Amino acid sequence: MPTLKFVKQGIDKNTKRATLCALLAAALYAISAPCSKLLLRGLTPTMMAAFLYLGAGIGMAAVGLLRSRGRKLDAALRLTRKELPYTAAMIVLDIAAPAFLMVGLTMTTAANASLLNNFEIVATAIIALLFFKERITKRLWLAIGLITLSSVILSFEDMSSLSFSSGSLFVLLACICWGLENNCTRALSQKDPLQIVVIKGLGSGAGALLIALMMGDRLGDLPYIVAALVLGFVAYGLSIFFYVRAQRDLGAAKTSTYYAVAPFIGVALSLVVFRAFPSISFFIALAIMGIGAYCASTAT
């Protein structure tokens, strides 16, 4: 039947476009790791988080103003009071997650925190299954496992750093918050992605900035602030925009599997920026990540 054929072609086209958006979101976010490491020389971690979010909100708000000149946004795409609980939860969780992570980092090693951060993939998938009834196939679970394993290998530094500690609990809480936040964003994915990013960026950024000031952190030098704002626009604003757009057709669980390549890309960029020679584990992780990405892209 010709009609069914055209519908299937349309679905396949949307899926391919969504997959590209998810991978682009991952690539843009991956830029933040090496760049943030450089900017942390002039900013505290709390201020860095605040300016990254604010840069995302301010930058995407500017994009929205430019877009509004050309066309009027469909009323159906605007956020309404119906989405207010998800919007509020998204902002609160994006403030809480970095706070938990920072507490965890004061009580455990950076290697352990990096390793445990990958639990966000698992948290997103399980929450999507339990609360949003998303279908997760065996192949997709395999992809999640492989990509997580690859991320573990990339994050691994020293066996002694893998010991469980109180700090690990806080890192896990951060991952659970981000998993919940990903699913809240999924509930808003049919709305305008740009509007979501603006609200997410300005709301979370302002909250993080307030917490930083209450903690007594100094603002930092202007060049570092400007650089952090620009980085936030690119690595957070544009990344979240494409992430939300991908969720519209892929769902939270599958989008998170594609997004899981971000740590790998970040490691690769870090090797170039900081001129570190890759170990054998890097190439092992590369192979596992490739298989995991293939499983994710072919899961139905």
Protein backbone atom coordinates (compact mmCIF):
# COMPACT_ATOMS: atom_id res chain seq x y z
CA MET A 1 0.00 0.00 0.00
CA PRO A 2 1.58 3.31 -1.12
CA THR A 3 0.28 5.26 1.87
CA LEU A 4 1.88 2.91 4.39
CA LYS A 5 5.12 3.03 2.44
CA PHE A 6 5.24 6.83 2.60
CA VAL A 7 4.40 6.79 6.31
CA LYS A 8 7.22 4.33 7.00
CA GLN A 9 9.63 6.45 4.97
CA GLY A 10 8.58 9.49 6.99
CA ILE A 11 9.16 7.65 10.28
CA ASP A 12 12.57 6.41 9.14
CA LYS A 13 13.53 9.92 8.09
CA ASN A 14 12.45 11.34 11.47
CA THR A 15 14.39 8.63 13.30
CA LYS A 16 17.55 9.33 11.31
CA ARG A 17 17.21 13.06 11.94
CA ALA A 18 16.62 12.44 15.65
CA THR A 19 19.66 10.14 15.81
CA LEU A 20 21.80 12.83 14.21
CA CYS A 21 20.48 15.37 16.73
CA ALA A 22 21.34 13.04 19.63
CA LEU A 23 24.89 12.47 18.38
CA LEU A 24 25.34 16.19 17.69
CA ALA A 25 24.13 16.95 21.22
CA ALA A 26 26.71 14.50 22.58
CA ALA A 27 29.52 16.00 20.48
CA LEU A 28 28.71 19.56 21.56
CA TYR A 29 28.49 18.58 25.22
CA ALA A 30 31.81 16.74 24.97
CA ILE A 31 33.51 20.08 24.29
CA SER A 32 32.71 21.18 27.83
CA ALA A 33 35.06 18.71 29.56
CA PRO A 34 38.47 19.86 28.22
CA CYS A 35 37.40 23.51 27.97
CA SER A 36 36.00 23.57 31.50
CA LYS A 37 39.22 22.07 32.83
CA LEU A 38 41.09 25.04 31.35
CA LEU A 39 38.57 27.61 32.65
CA LEU A 40 38.58 26.15 36.18
CA ARG A 41 41.96 27.85 36.57
CA GLY A 42 40.04 31.13 37.01
CA LEU A 43 36.59 30.02 38.25
CA THR A 44 35.35 27.88 41.12
CA PRO A 45 33.39 24.73 40.18
CA THR A 46 30.14 26.23 41.50
CA MET A 47 30.56 29.45 39.54
CA MET A 48 31.54 27.45 36.47
CA ALA A 49 28.27 25.50 36.62
CA ALA A 50 26.28 28.70 37.08
CA PHE A 51 27.85 30.52 34.13
CA LEU A 52 27.55 27.48 31.87
CA TYR A 53 23.80 27.32 32.49
CA LEU A 54 23.39 31.09 32.24
CA GLY A 55 25.33 31.11 28.96
CA ALA A 56 22.96 28.47 27.63
CA GLY A 57 19.89 30.42 28.68
CA ILE A 58 21.08 33.83 27.49
CA GLY A 59 22.47 32.51 24.20
CA MET A 60 19.37 30.52 23.29
CA ALA A 61 17.15 33.46 24.31
CA ALA A 62 19.03 35.56 21.76
CA VAL A 63 18.50 32.83 19.16
CA GLY A 64 14.80 32.87 20.04
CA LEU A 65 14.57 36.61 19.47
CA LEU A 66 16.17 36.25 16.04
CA ARG A 67 13.84 33.38 15.18
CA SER A 68 10.74 35.30 16.25
CA ARG A 69 11.46 37.95 13.62
CA GLY A 70 11.01 35.43 10.83
CA ARG A 71 7.98 33.50 12.03
CA LYS A 72 5.53 33.19 14.87
CA LEU A 73 5.82 30.18 17.17
CA ASP A 74 2.88 27.80 17.00
CA ALA A 75 0.80 28.15 20.17
CA ALA A 76 0.73 24.36 20.52
CA LEU A 77 4.52 24.35 20.99
CA ARG A 78 4.54 26.81 23.87
CA LEU A 79 4.87 25.63 27.45
CA THR A 80 1.64 25.97 29.44
CA ARG A 81 0.54 25.56 33.05
CA LYS A 82 -0.01 21.88 32.31
CA GLU A 83 3.76 21.40 31.90
CA LEU A 84 4.61 23.54 34.95
CA PRO A 85 5.32 20.56 37.30
CA TYR A 86 7.78 19.04 34.80
CA THR A 87 9.37 22.45 34.15
CA ALA A 88 9.82 23.18 37.85
CA ALA A 89 11.19 19.68 38.50
CA MET A 90 13.62 20.06 35.60
CA ILE A 91 15.04 23.28 37.06
CA VAL A 92 15.24 21.99 40.65
CA LEU A 93 16.89 18.72 39.60
CA ASP A 94 19.43 20.61 37.47
CA ILE A 95 20.35 22.65 40.53
CA ALA A 96 20.41 19.68 42.94
CA ALA A 97 22.47 17.34 40.73
CA PRO A 98 25.60 19.53 40.54
CA ALA A 99 25.27 20.28 44.28
CA PHE A 100 25.26 16.55 45.12
CA LEU A 101 28.15 16.01 42.72
CA MET A 102 30.24 18.75 44.34
CA VAL A 103 29.65 17.29 47.81
CA GLY A 104 30.61 13.88 46.49
CA LEU A 105 33.79 15.23 44.94
CA THR A 106 34.92 16.55 48.34
CA MET A 107 34.61 13.05 49.79
CA THR A 108 35.86 10.80 46.98
CA THR A 109 38.39 10.84 44.14
CA ALA A 110 37.74 12.40 40.76
CA ALA A 111 38.28 9.01 39.11
CA ASN A 112 35.59 7.38 41.26
CA ALA A 113 33.19 10.26 40.58
CA SER A 114 33.79 10.05 36.83
CA LEU A 115 33.13 6.32 36.92
CA LEU A 116 29.92 6.65 38.91
CA ASN A 117 28.66 9.50 36.70
CA ASN A 118 27.90 6.93 34.03
CA PHE A 119 25.13 5.58 36.28
CA GLU A 120 23.04 8.39 34.76
CA ILE A 121 22.50 6.18 31.70
CA VAL A 122 21.12 3.38 33.84
CA ALA A 123 19.01 5.77 35.94
CA THR A 124 17.49 7.36 32.84
CA ALA A 125 16.57 4.01 31.30
CA ILE A 126 15.11 2.49 34.47
CA ILE A 127 13.06 5.59 35.29
CA ALA A 128 11.82 5.74 31.68
CA LEU A 129 10.72 2.11 32.01
CA LEU A 130 9.11 2.32 35.46
CA PHE A 131 7.43 5.71 35.38
CA PHE A 132 6.97 6.56 31.70
CA LYS A 133 6.39 3.01 30.41
CA GLU A 134 8.94 3.35 27.62
CA ARG A 135 9.69 0.13 25.78
CA ILE A 136 13.31 -0.95 26.21
CA THR A 137 14.34 -3.88 24.05
CA LYS A 138 16.99 -6.46 24.88
CA ARG A 139 19.20 -4.97 22.18
CA LEU A 140 18.88 -1.53 23.71
CA TRP A 141 19.73 -2.90 27.15
CA LEU A 142 22.79 -4.50 25.58
CA ALA A 143 23.74 -1.13 24.09
CA ILE A 144 23.35 0.54 27.48
CA GLY A 145 25.54 -2.11 29.07
CA LEU A 146 28.25 -1.89 26.41
CA ILE A 147 28.37 1.90 26.39
CA THR A 148 28.45 1.95 30.18
CA LEU A 149 31.26 -0.60 30.19
CA SER A 150 33.19 1.52 27.70
CA SER A 151 32.66 4.60 29.86
CA VAL A 152 33.89 2.68 32.90
CA ILE A 153 37.08 1.71 31.07
CA LEU A 154 37.64 5.30 29.97
CA SER A 155 37.08 6.57 33.51
CA PHE A 156 39.25 3.92 35.16
CA GLU A 157 42.51 5.15 36.67
CA ASP A 158 43.46 3.11 39.71
CA MET A 159 41.90 0.09 41.41
CA SER A 160 42.27 1.77 44.80
CA SER A 161 40.04 4.63 43.63
CA LEU A 162 37.11 2.25 43.12
CA SER A 163 36.52 1.72 46.83
CA PHE A 164 32.98 2.63 47.82
CA SER A 165 32.66 5.67 50.06
CA SER A 166 30.12 8.12 51.42
CA GLY A 167 31.07 10.45 48.60
CA SER A 168 29.96 7.80 46.13
CA LEU A 169 26.43 7.99 47.54
CA PHE A 170 26.27 11.70 46.71
CA VAL A 171 27.55 11.08 43.18
CA LEU A 172 24.90 8.39 42.71
CA LEU A 173 22.27 10.82 43.98
CA ALA A 174 23.46 13.32 41.37
CA CYS A 175 23.11 10.68 38.65
CA ILE A 176 19.60 9.79 39.82
CA CYS A 177 18.68 13.49 39.71
CA TRP A 178 19.97 13.75 36.15
CA GLY A 179 18.12 10.56 35.24
CA LEU A 180 14.89 12.05 36.59
CA GLU A 181 15.64 15.34 34.86
CA ASN A 182 16.15 13.59 31.53
CA ASN A 183 12.72 12.02 31.83
CA CYS A 184 11.11 15.31 32.86
CA THR A 185 12.61 16.83 29.74
CA ARG A 186 11.18 13.90 27.76
CA ALA A 187 7.70 14.88 29.01
CA LEU A 188 8.29 18.33 27.50
CA SER A 189 9.87 17.14 24.26
CA GLN A 190 6.78 17.86 22.15
CA LYS A 191 7.10 21.52 23.06
CA ASP A 192 9.51 24.08 21.60
CA PRO A 193 13.06 22.88 22.39
CA LEU A 194 14.42 26.41 22.33
CA GLN A 195 11.95 27.63 24.93
CA ILE A 196 12.81 24.66 27.14
CA VAL A 197 16.53 25.40 26.95
CA VAL A 198 16.01 29.09 27.80
CA ILE A 199 13.92 28.28 30.87
CA LYS A 200 16.27 25.46 31.88
CA GLY A 201 19.39 27.59 31.42
CA LEU A 202 18.20 30.79 33.10
CA GLY A 203 16.38 29.00 35.91
CA SER A 204 19.13 26.52 36.75
CA GLY A 205 21.88 29.08 36.16
CA ALA A 206 20.30 31.64 38.47
CA GLY A 207 19.76 28.98 41.14
CA ALA A 208 23.33 27.73 40.88
CA LEU A 209 24.67 31.31 41.00
CA LEU A 210 22.65 32.05 44.12
CA ILE A 211 24.01 28.91 45.80
CA ALA A 212 27.55 29.83 44.78
CA LEU A 213 27.23 33.33 46.25
CA MET A 214 25.74 31.93 49.45
CA MET A 215 28.74 29.60 49.69
CA GLY A 216 31.01 32.65 49.50
CA ASP A 217 32.48 31.97 46.05
CA ARG A 218 33.95 34.93 44.18
CA LEU A 219 32.69 35.73 40.69
CA GLY A 220 36.07 35.43 39.00
CA ASP A 221 37.80 37.50 36.31
CA LEU A 222 35.75 38.87 33.40
CA PRO A 223 37.61 37.01 30.59
CA TYR A 224 36.92 33.68 32.32
CA ILE A 225 33.27 34.60 32.88
CA VAL A 226 32.76 35.53 29.21
CA ALA A 227 34.50 32.35 28.07
CA ALA A 228 32.31 30.25 30.39
CA LEU A 229 29.15 31.94 29.07
CA VAL A 230 30.16 31.23 25.46
CA LEU A 231 31.03 27.65 26.32
CA GLY A 232 27.67 27.29 28.05
CA PHE A 233 25.84 28.48 24.94
CA VAL A 234 27.62 25.98 22.70
CA ALA A 235 28.14 22.96 24.96
CA TYR A 236 24.97 23.29 27.04
CA GLY A 237 22.47 25.46 25.15
CA LEU A 238 22.84 24.00 21.67
CA SER A 239 23.50 20.53 23.09
CA ILE A 240 20.30 20.52 25.19
CA PHE A 241 18.36 21.93 22.23
CA PHE A 242 19.39 19.01 20.00
CA TYR A 243 18.94 16.55 22.89
CA VAL A 244 15.33 17.60 23.45
CA ARG A 245 14.68 17.47 19.71
CA ALA A 246 16.05 13.92 19.59
CA GLN A 247 13.88 12.80 22.51
CA ARG A 248 10.77 13.74 20.55
CA ASP A 249 11.26 10.75 18.22
CA LEU A 250 13.64 8.47 20.14
CA GLY A 251 12.44 8.68 23.74
CA ALA A 252 14.52 9.31 26.86
CA ALA A 253 16.11 5.88 27.16
CA LYS A 254 17.38 5.52 23.61
CA THR A 255 18.47 9.16 23.38
CA SER A 256 20.56 8.64 26.52
CA THR A 257 22.39 5.73 24.88
CA TYR A 258 23.46 7.91 21.96
CA TYR A 259 24.32 10.72 24.36
CA ALA A 260 26.56 8.29 26.24
CA VAL A 261 29.22 8.70 23.54
CA ALA A 262 29.87 12.18 24.98
CA PRO A 263 32.41 10.93 27.58
CA PHE A 264 34.27 9.10 24.82
CA ILE A 265 34.40 12.17 22.59
CA GLY A 266 35.44 14.24 25.59
CA VAL A 267 38.32 11.87 26.33
CA ALA A 268 39.44 12.03 22.70
CA LEU A 269 39.38 15.85 22.75
CA SER A 270 41.24 15.87 26.06
CA LEU A 271 43.97 13.68 24.57
CA VAL A 272 44.45 16.27 21.82
CA VAL A 273 44.18 19.36 24.02
CA PHE A 274 46.42 18.08 26.82
CA ARG A 275 48.62 15.97 24.52
CA ALA A 276 48.25 12.73 26.47
CA PHE A 277 49.14 9.48 24.71
CA PRO A 278 46.26 6.94 24.78
CA SER A 279 46.74 3.65 26.59
CA ILE A 280 45.65 0.22 25.42
CA SER A 281 42.45 0.60 27.45
CA PHE A 282 41.52 3.57 25.24
CA PHE A 283 41.44 1.38 22.14
CA ILE A 284 39.54 -1.36 23.98
CA ALA A 285 36.95 1.23 24.99
CA LEU A 286 36.80 2.46 21.39
CA ALA A 287 35.85 -1.00 20.14
CA ILE A 288 33.24 -1.56 22.86
CA MET A 289 31.77 1.91 22.28
CA GLY A 290 31.50 1.24 18.55
CA ILE A 291 29.59 -2.01 19.15
CA GLY A 292 27.35 -0.31 21.70
CA ALA A 293 26.55 2.57 19.34
CA TYR A 294 25.71 0.09 16.59
CA CYS A 295 23.37 -1.85 18.90
CA ALA A 296 21.66 1.40 19.94
CA SER A 297 21.20 2.58 16.36
CA THR A 298 19.73 -0.77 15.25
CA ALA A 299 17.51 -1.35 18.30
CA THR A 300 13.80 -1.30 17.54
